[in-house]
Amino acid sequence: MHAEEDAYHVLLRYLESIKNHLRTTEGRDEILADIESRFTELLMERWLGKSNVITLTDVQEVIQILGSPGQWMEGSNDAFSEAESV
């Protein structure tokens, strides 16, 4: 599996924003690993049966599902609590 360059950079920025958001959180590494696992699961579901390339659209749609760290704090997305329970 390969990712478009744009998709790769968007994913890296997203993960970095999560790391920054969790920088003072106890258990940060475990939470981040859970989020990364869930991201991978959702990405694989979208990617199954498609080409061998993960597109920017694929990454953006998974980010929309999981939400941003700012959304988690606002309570507008339950992805953070779901990721912790994975």
PDB file of N, CA and C in Angstrom:
ATOM      1  N   MET A   1       0.850  -1.167   0.000  1.00  0.00           N
ATOM      2  CA  MET A   1       0.000   0.000   0.000  1.00  0.00           C
ATOM      3  C   MET A   1       0.897   1.231   0.000  1.00  0.00           C
ATOM      4  N   HIS A   2       0.495   2.220  -0.750  1.00  0.00           N
ATOM      5  CA  HIS A   2       1.229   3.476  -0.841  1.00  0.00           C
ATOM      6  C   HIS A   2       0.272   4.635  -0.602  1.00  0.00           C
ATOM      7  N   ALA A   3       0.815   5.763  -0.218  1.00  0.00           N
ATOM      8  CA  ALA A   3      -0.001   6.954  -0.007  1.00  0.00           C
ATOM      9  C   ALA A   3       0.501   8.071  -0.913  1.00  0.00           C
ATOM     10  N   GLU A   4      -0.437   8.846  -1.414  1.00  0.00           N
ATOM     11  CA  GLU A   4      -0.068  10.037  -2.153  1.00  0.00           C
ATOM     12  C   GLU A   4       0.725  10.943  -1.215  1.00  0.00           C
ATOM     13  N   GLU A   5       1.630  11.711  -1.778  1.00  0.00           N
ATOM     14  CA  GLU A   5       2.467  12.586  -0.953  1.00  0.00           C
ATOM     15  C   GLU A   5       1.629  13.559  -0.130  1.00  0.00           C
ATOM     16  N   ASP A   6       0.604  14.147  -0.735  1.00  0.00           N
ATOM     17  CA  ASP A   6      -0.266  15.072  -0.008  1.00  0.00           C
ATOM     18  C   ASP A   6      -0.957  14.364   1.156  1.00  0.00           C
ATOM     19  N   ALA A   7      -1.433  13.159   0.911  1.00  0.00           N
ATOM     20  CA  ALA A   7      -2.117  12.393   1.946  1.00  0.00           C
ATOM     21  C   ALA A   7      -1.177  12.103   3.108  1.00  0.00           C
ATOM     22  N   TYR A   8       0.039  11.739   2.781  1.00  0.00           N
ATOM     23  CA  TYR A   8       1.048  11.439   3.800  1.00  0.00           C
ATOM     24  C   TYR A   8       1.311  12.661   4.682  1.00  0.00           C
ATOM     25  N   HIS A   9       1.476  13.819   4.073  1.00  0.00           N
ATOM     26  CA  HIS A   9       1.769  15.031   4.837  1.00  0.00           C
ATOM     27  C   HIS A   9       0.585  15.465   5.700  1.00  0.00           C
ATOM     28  N   VAL A  10      -0.623  15.321   5.190  1.00  0.00           N
ATOM     29  CA  VAL A  10      -1.808  15.650   5.987  1.00  0.00           C
ATOM     30  C   VAL A  10      -1.907  14.715   7.185  1.00  0.00           C
ATOM     31  N   LEU A  11      -1.646  13.448   6.977  1.00  0.00           N
ATOM     32  CA  LEU A  11      -1.681  12.479   8.075  1.00  0.00           C
ATOM     33  C   LEU A  11      -0.623  12.820   9.126  1.00  0.00           C
ATOM     34  N   LEU A  12       0.590  13.135   8.699  1.00  0.00           N
ATOM     35  CA  LEU A  12       1.639  13.505   9.653  1.00  0.00           C
ATOM     36  C   LEU A  12       1.258  14.735  10.471  1.00  0.00           C
ATOM     37  N   ARG A  13       0.687  15.749   9.818  1.00  0.00           N
ATOM     38  CA  ARG A  13       0.257  16.955  10.540  1.00  0.00           C
ATOM     39  C   ARG A  13      -0.853  16.637  11.540  1.00  0.00           C
ATOM     40  N   TYR A  14      -1.769  15.767  11.142  1.00  0.00           N
ATOM     41  CA  TYR A  14      -2.864  15.373  12.032  1.00  0.00           C
ATOM     42  C   TYR A  14      -2.320  14.665  13.277  1.00  0.00           C
ATOM     43  N   LEU A  15      -1.429  13.708  13.069  1.00  0.00           N
ATOM     44  CA  LEU A  15      -0.853  12.982  14.200  1.00  0.00           C
ATOM     45  C   LEU A  15      -0.026  13.906  15.085  1.00  0.00           C
ATOM     46  N   GLU A  16       0.674  14.835  14.489  1.00  0.00           N
ATOM     47  CA  GLU A  16       1.456  15.800  15.268  1.00  0.00           C
ATOM     48  C   GLU A  16       0.536  16.688  16.101  1.00  0.00           C
ATOM     49  N   SER A  17      -0.614  17.067  15.558  1.00  0.00           N
ATOM     50  CA  SER A  17      -1.554  17.896  16.330  1.00  0.00           C
ATOM     51  C   SER A  17      -2.102  17.117  17.521  1.00  0.00           C
ATOM     52  N   ILE A  18      -2.298  15.819  17.340  1.00  0.00           N
ATOM     53  CA  ILE A  18      -2.758  14.983  18.455  1.00  0.00           C
ATOM     54  C   ILE A  18      -1.665  14.885  19.516  1.00  0.00           C
ATOM     55  N   LYS A  19      -0.420  14.664  19.093  1.00  0.00           N
ATOM     56  CA  LYS A  19       0.697  14.595  20.042  1.00  0.00           C
ATOM     57  C   LYS A  19       0.795  15.889  20.848  1.00  0.00           C
ATOM     58  N   ASN A  20       0.688  17.015  20.160  1.00  0.00           N
ATOM     59  CA  ASN A  20       0.754  18.304  20.851  1.00  0.00           C
ATOM     60  C   ASN A  20      -0.399  18.467  21.824  1.00  0.00           C
ATOM     61  N   HIS A  21      -1.571  18.045  21.425  1.00  0.00           N
ATOM     62  CA  HIS A  21      -2.757  18.155  22.283  1.00  0.00           C
ATOM     63  C   HIS A  21      -2.615  17.291  23.543  1.00  0.00           C
ATOM     64  N   LEU A  22      -1.986  16.138  23.394  1.00  0.00           N
ATOM     65  CA  LEU A  22      -1.858  15.193  24.504  1.00  0.00           C
ATOM     66  C   LEU A  22      -0.550  15.336  25.284  1.00  0.00           C
ATOM     67  N   ARG A  23       0.242  16.341  24.973  1.00  0.00           N
ATOM     68  CA  ARG A  23       1.599  16.429  25.524  1.00  0.00           C
ATOM     69  C   ARG A  23       1.660  16.364  27.046  1.00  0.00           C
ATOM     70  N   THR A  24       0.635  16.806  27.746  1.00  0.00           N
ATOM     71  CA  THR A  24       0.650  16.771  29.214  1.00  0.00           C
ATOM     72  C   THR A  24      -0.277  15.704  29.781  1.00  0.00           C
ATOM     73  N   THR A  25      -0.807  14.872  28.918  1.00  0.00           N
ATOM     74  CA  THR A  25      -1.767  13.859  29.340  1.00  0.00           C
ATOM     75  C   THR A  25      -1.051  12.587  29.780  1.00  0.00           C
ATOM     76  N   GLU A  26      -1.410  12.080  30.933  1.00  0.00           N
ATOM     77  CA  GLU A  26      -0.850  10.814  31.399  1.00  0.00           C
ATOM     78  C   GLU A  26      -1.331   9.696  30.477  1.00  0.00           C
ATOM     79  N   GLY A  27      -0.447   8.800  30.111  1.00  0.00           N
ATOM     80  CA  GLY A  27      -0.803   7.718  29.209  1.00  0.00           C
ATOM     81  C   GLY A  27      -0.850   8.144  27.760  1.00  0.00           C
ATOM     82  N   ARG A  28      -0.211   9.253  27.447  1.00  0.00           N
ATOM     83  CA  ARG A  28      -0.234   9.849  26.111  1.00  0.00           C
ATOM     84  C   ARG A  28       0.155   8.859  25.024  1.00  0.00           C
ATOM     85  N   ASP A  29       1.226   8.111  25.241  1.00  0.00           N
ATOM     86  CA  ASP A  29       1.712   7.189  24.212  1.00  0.00           C
ATOM     87  C   ASP A  29       0.696   6.095  23.906  1.00  0.00           C
ATOM     88  N   GLU A  30       0.052   5.598  24.940  1.00  0.00           N
ATOM     89  CA  GLU A  30      -0.968   4.561  24.751  1.00  0.00           C
ATOM     90  C   GLU A  30      -2.190   5.119  24.024  1.00  0.00           C
ATOM     91  N   ILE A  31      -2.600   6.307  24.385  1.00  0.00           N
ATOM     92  CA  ILE A  31      -3.749   6.950  23.732  1.00  0.00           C
ATOM     93  C   ILE A  31      -3.434   7.194  22.264  1.00  0.00           C
ATOM     94  N   LEU A  32      -2.247   7.705  22.003  1.00  0.00           N
ATOM     95  CA  LEU A  32      -1.839   7.963  20.626  1.00  0.00           C
ATOM     96  C   LEU A  32      -1.796   6.664  19.820  1.00  0.00           C
ATOM     97  N   ALA A  33      -1.273   5.606  20.407  1.00  0.00           N
ATOM     98  CA  ALA A  33      -1.230   4.311  19.720  1.00  0.00           C
ATOM     99  C   ALA A  33      -2.640   3.818  19.408  1.00  0.00           C
ATOM    100  N   ASP A  34      -3.577   4.018  20.326  1.00  0.00           N
ATOM    101  CA  ASP A  34      -4.965   3.622  20.089  1.00  0.00           C
ATOM    102  C   ASP A  34      -5.587   4.424  18.951  1.00  0.00           C
ATOM    103  N   ILE A  35      -5.314   5.724  18.922  1.00  0.00           N
ATOM    104  CA  ILE A  35      -5.847   6.573  17.858  1.00  0.00           C
ATOM    105  C   ILE A  35      -5.253   6.165  16.515  1.00  0.00           C
ATOM    106  N   GLU A  36      -3.954   5.911  16.497  1.00  0.00           N
ATOM    107  CA  GLU A  36      -3.301   5.483  15.258  1.00  0.00           C
ATOM    108  C   GLU A  36      -3.883   4.151  14.765  1.00  0.00           C
ATOM    109  N   SER A  37      -4.140   3.235  15.685  1.00  0.00           N
ATOM    110  CA  SER A  37      -4.743   1.945  15.314  1.00  0.00           C
ATOM    111  C   SER A  37      -6.129   2.133  14.716  1.00  0.00           C
ATOM    112  N   ARG A  38      -6.923   2.980  15.354  1.00  0.00           N
ATOM    113  CA  ARG A  38      -8.278   3.234  14.846  1.00  0.00           C
ATOM    114  C   ARG A  38      -8.224   3.923  13.494  1.00  0.00           C
ATOM    115  N   PHE A  39      -7.287   4.859  13.327  1.00  0.00           N
ATOM    116  CA  PHE A  39      -7.126   5.536  12.049  1.00  0.00           C
ATOM    117  C   PHE A  39      -6.811   4.508  10.968  1.00  0.00           C
ATOM    118  N   THR A  40      -5.915   3.600  11.276  1.00  0.00           N
ATOM    119  CA  THR A  40      -5.526   2.557  10.317  1.00  0.00           C
ATOM    120  C   THR A  40      -6.710   1.674   9.964  1.00  0.00           C
ATOM    121  N   GLU A  41      -7.494   1.274  10.964  1.00  0.00           N
ATOM    122  CA  GLU A  41      -8.679   0.448  10.708  1.00  0.00           C
ATOM    123  C   GLU A  41      -9.635   1.150   9.749  1.00  0.00           C
ATOM    124  N   LEU A  42      -9.940   2.405  10.040  1.00  0.00           N
ATOM    125  CA  LEU A  42     -10.874   3.161   9.196  1.00  0.00           C
ATOM    126  C   LEU A  42     -10.315   3.361   7.791  1.00  0.00           C
ATOM    127  N   LEU A  43      -9.034   3.620   7.705  1.00  0.00           N
ATOM    128  CA  LEU A  43      -8.396   3.805   6.407  1.00  0.00           C
ATOM    129  C   LEU A  43      -8.437   2.517   5.595  1.00  0.00           C
ATOM    130  N   MET A  44      -8.181   1.395   6.232  1.00  0.00           N
ATOM    131  CA  MET A  44      -8.208   0.106   5.542  1.00  0.00           C
ATOM    132  C   MET A  44      -9.622  -0.223   5.053  1.00  0.00           C
ATOM    133  N   GLU A  45     -10.637   0.111   5.850  1.00  0.00           N
ATOM    134  CA  GLU A  45     -12.019  -0.115   5.422  1.00  0.00           C
ATOM    135  C   GLU A  45     -12.337   0.671   4.153  1.00  0.00           C
ATOM    136  N   ARG A  46     -11.848   1.907   4.084  1.00  0.00           N
ATOM    137  CA  ARG A  46     -12.096   2.753   2.919  1.00  0.00           C
ATOM    138  C   ARG A  46     -11.283   2.284   1.728  1.00  0.00           C
ATOM    139  N   TRP A  47     -10.107   1.772   1.981  1.00  0.00           N
ATOM    140  CA  TRP A  47      -9.158   1.427   0.940  1.00  0.00           C
ATOM    141  C   TRP A  47      -9.432   0.066   0.309  1.00  0.00           C
ATOM    142  N   LEU A  48     -10.051  -0.828   1.052  1.00  0.00           N
ATOM    143  CA  LEU A  48     -10.280  -2.194   0.584  1.00  0.00           C
ATOM    144  C   LEU A  48     -10.919  -2.222  -0.798  1.00  0.00           C
ATOM    145  N   GLY A  49     -10.308  -2.947  -1.689  1.00  0.00           N
ATOM    146  CA  GLY A  49     -10.872  -3.109  -3.025  1.00  0.00           C
ATOM    147  C   GLY A  49     -10.578  -1.974  -3.979  1.00  0.00           C
ATOM    148  N   LYS A  50      -9.904  -0.943  -3.505  1.00  0.00           N
ATOM    149  CA  LYS A  50      -9.559   0.176  -4.370  1.00  0.00           C
ATOM    150  C   LYS A  50      -8.147  -0.016  -4.888  1.00  0.00           C
ATOM    151  N   SER A  51      -7.600   1.007  -5.437  1.00  0.00           N
ATOM    152  CA  SER A  51      -6.236   0.950  -5.960  1.00  0.00           C
ATOM    153  C   SER A  51      -5.236   0.743  -4.825  1.00  0.00           C
ATOM    154  N   ASN A  52      -3.987   0.633  -5.181  1.00  0.00           N
ATOM    155  CA  ASN A  52      -2.931   0.433  -4.189  1.00  0.00           C
ATOM    156  C   ASN A  52      -2.442   1.735  -3.580  1.00  0.00           C
ATOM    157  N   VAL A  53      -3.177   2.811  -3.806  1.00  0.00           N
ATOM    158  CA  VAL A  53      -2.750   4.119  -3.328  1.00  0.00           C
ATOM    159  C   VAL A  53      -3.810   4.710  -2.403  1.00  0.00           C
ATOM    160  N   ILE A  54      -3.363   5.176  -1.249  1.00  0.00           N
ATOM    161  CA  ILE A  54      -4.243   5.897  -0.333  1.00  0.00           C
ATOM    162  C   ILE A  54      -4.211   7.360  -0.756  1.00  0.00           C
ATOM    163  N   THR A  55      -5.372   7.905  -0.996  1.00  0.00           N
ATOM    164  CA  THR A  55      -5.460   9.266  -1.517  1.00  0.00           C
ATOM    165  C   THR A  55      -5.659  10.287  -0.398  1.00  0.00           C
ATOM    166  N   LEU A  56      -5.486  11.535  -0.765  1.00  0.00           N
ATOM    167  CA  LEU A  56      -5.738  12.626   0.160  1.00  0.00           C
ATOM    168  C   LEU A  56      -7.189  12.584   0.634  1.00  0.00           C
ATOM    169  N   THR A  57      -8.100  12.277  -0.255  1.00  0.00           N
ATOM    170  CA  THR A  57      -9.518  12.179   0.109  1.00  0.00           C
ATOM    171  C   THR A  57      -9.746  11.099   1.159  1.00  0.00           C
ATOM    172  N   ASP A  58      -9.079   9.947   1.001  1.00  0.00           N
ATOM    173  CA  ASP A  58      -9.200   8.876   1.998  1.00  0.00           C
ATOM    174  C   ASP A  58      -8.788   9.374   3.378  1.00  0.00           C
ATOM    175  N   VAL A  59      -7.633  10.022   3.445  1.00  0.00           N
ATOM    176  CA  VAL A  59      -7.116  10.518   4.723  1.00  0.00           C
ATOM    177  C   VAL A  59      -8.043  11.586   5.300  1.00  0.00           C
ATOM    178  N   GLN A  60      -8.501  12.500   4.475  1.00  0.00           N
ATOM    179  CA  GLN A  60      -9.384  13.573   4.950  1.00  0.00           C
ATOM    180  C   GLN A  60     -10.702  13.016   5.483  1.00  0.00           C
ATOM    181  N   GLU A  61     -11.234  11.992   4.840  1.00  0.00           N
ATOM    182  CA  GLU A  61     -12.499  11.404   5.299  1.00  0.00           C
ATOM    183  C   GLU A  61     -12.327  10.707   6.643  1.00  0.00           C
ATOM    184  N   VAL A  62     -11.207  10.045   6.854  1.00  0.00           N
ATOM    185  CA  VAL A  62     -10.967   9.396   8.151  1.00  0.00           C
ATOM    186  C   VAL A  62     -10.760  10.455   9.229  1.00  0.00           C
ATOM    187  N   ILE A  63     -10.045  11.510   8.912  1.00  0.00           N
ATOM    188  CA  ILE A  63      -9.863  12.597   9.879  1.00  0.00           C
ATOM    189  C   ILE A  63     -11.209  13.208  10.245  1.00  0.00           C
ATOM    190  N   GLN A  64     -12.096  13.341   9.271  1.00  0.00           N
ATOM    191  CA  GLN A  64     -13.424  13.880   9.543  1.00  0.00           C
ATOM    192  C   GLN A  64     -14.185  12.960  10.503  1.00  0.00           C
ATOM    193  N   ILE A  65     -14.052  11.664  10.324  1.00  0.00           N
ATOM    194  CA  ILE A  65     -14.717  10.703  11.211  1.00  0.00           C
ATOM    195  C   ILE A  65     -14.170  10.809  12.627  1.00  0.00           C
ATOM    196  N   LEU A  66     -12.850  10.831  12.758  1.00  0.00           N
ATOM    197  CA  LEU A  66     -12.226  10.859  14.083  1.00  0.00           C
ATOM    198  C   LEU A  66     -12.296  12.229  14.733  1.00  0.00           C
ATOM    199  N   GLY A  67     -12.306  13.271  13.928  1.00  0.00           N
ATOM    200  CA  GLY A  67     -12.352  14.621  14.470  1.00  0.00           C
ATOM    201  C   GLY A  67     -10.975  15.115  14.859  1.00  0.00           C
ATOM    202  N   SER A  68     -10.915  16.381  15.203  1.00  0.00           N
ATOM    203  CA  SER A  68      -9.662  17.007  15.617  1.00  0.00           C
ATOM    204  C   SER A  68      -9.610  17.085  17.136  1.00  0.00           C
ATOM    205  N   PRO A  69      -8.417  17.243  17.704  1.00  0.00           N
ATOM    206  CA  PRO A  69      -8.323  17.388  19.162  1.00  0.00           C
ATOM    207  C   PRO A  69      -9.181  18.529  19.693  1.00  0.00           C
ATOM    208  N   GLY A  70      -9.282  19.619  18.954  1.00  0.00           N
ATOM    209  CA  GLY A  70     -10.131  20.731  19.381  1.00  0.00           C
ATOM    210  C   GLY A  70     -11.589  20.331  19.482  1.00  0.00           C
ATOM    211  N   GLN A  71     -12.037  19.497  18.563  1.00  0.00           N
ATOM    212  CA  GLN A  71     -13.422  19.022  18.595  1.00  0.00           C
ATOM    213  C   GLN A  71     -13.657  18.110  19.795  1.00  0.00           C
ATOM    214  N   TRP A  72     -12.664  17.326  20.145  1.00  0.00           N
ATOM    215  CA  TRP A  72     -12.827  16.419  21.279  1.00  0.00           C
ATOM    216  C   TRP A  72     -13.082  17.203  22.554  1.00  0.00           C
ATOM    217  N   MET A  73     -12.373  18.300  22.704  1.00  0.00           N
ATOM    218  CA  MET A  73     -12.529  19.110  23.907  1.00  0.00           C
ATOM    219  C   MET A  73     -13.888  19.798  23.941  1.00  0.00           C
ATOM    220  N   GLU A  74     -14.432  20.116  22.777  1.00  0.00           N
ATOM    221  CA  GLU A  74     -15.732  20.761  22.701  1.00  0.00           C
ATOM    222  C   GLU A  74     -16.867  19.770  22.907  1.00  0.00           C
ATOM    223  N   GLY A  75     -16.549  18.472  22.861  1.00  0.00           N
ATOM    224  CA  GLY A  75     -17.566  17.458  23.016  1.00  0.00           C
ATOM    225  C   GLY A  75     -18.382  17.235  21.760  1.00  0.00           C
ATOM    226  N   SER A  76     -17.918  17.788  20.621  1.00  0.00           N
ATOM    227  CA  SER A  76     -18.684  17.643  19.388  1.00  0.00           C
ATOM    228  C   SER A  76     -18.348  16.369  18.637  1.00  0.00           C
ATOM    229  N   ASN A  77     -17.399  15.593  19.156  1.00  0.00           N
ATOM    230  CA  ASN A  77     -17.016  14.352  18.498  1.00  0.00           C
ATOM    231  C   ASN A  77     -16.568  13.372  19.573  1.00  0.00           C
ATOM    232  N   ASP A  78     -17.085  12.169  19.552  1.00  0.00           N
ATOM    233  CA  ASP A  78     -16.756  11.176  20.565  1.00  0.00           C
ATOM    234  C   ASP A  78     -15.557  10.327  20.190  1.00  0.00           C
ATOM    235  N   ALA A  79     -14.805  10.713  19.189  1.00  0.00           N
ATOM    236  CA  ALA A  79     -13.677   9.905  18.719  1.00  0.00           C
ATOM    237  C   ALA A  79     -12.630   9.718  19.797  1.00  0.00           C
ATOM    238  N   PHE A  80     -12.388  10.729  20.620  1.00  0.00           N
ATOM    239  CA  PHE A  80     -11.363  10.626  21.637  1.00  0.00           C
ATOM    240  C   PHE A  80     -11.731   9.557  22.646  1.00  0.00           C
ATOM    241  N   SER A  81     -12.941   9.573  23.141  1.00  0.00           N
ATOM    242  CA  SER A  81     -13.346   8.567  24.119  1.00  0.00           C
ATOM    243  C   SER A  81     -13.396   7.185  23.491  1.00  0.00           C
ATOM    244  N   GLU A  82     -13.795   7.116  22.216  1.00  0.00           N
ATOM    245  CA  GLU A  82     -13.797   5.828  21.521  1.00  0.00           C
ATOM    246  C   GLU A  82     -12.384   5.311  21.360  1.00  0.00           C
ATOM    247  N   ALA A  83     -11.450   6.196  21.028  1.00  0.00           N
ATOM    248  CA  ALA A  83     -10.067   5.791  20.841  1.00  0.00           C
ATOM    249  C   ALA A  83      -9.461   5.300  22.135  1.00  0.00           C
ATOM    250  N   GLU A  84      -9.831   5.917  23.261  1.00  0.00           N
ATOM    251  CA  GLU A  84      -9.306   5.475  24.545  1.00  0.00           C
ATOM    252  C   GLU A  84      -9.816   4.090  24.913  1.00  0.00           C
ATOM    253  N   SER A  85     -11.012   3.732  24.455  1.00  0.00           N
ATOM    254  CA  SER A  85     -11.597   2.452  24.839  1.00  0.00           C
ATOM    255  C   SER A  85     -11.223   1.314  23.899  1.00  0.00           C
ATOM    256  N   VAL A  86     -10.515   1.623  22.818  1.00  0.00           N
ATOM    257  CA  VAL A  86     -10.135   0.591  21.849  1.00  0.00           C
ATOM    258  C   VAL A  86      -9.103  -0.317  22.443  1.00  0.00           C
TER     259      VAL A  86
END
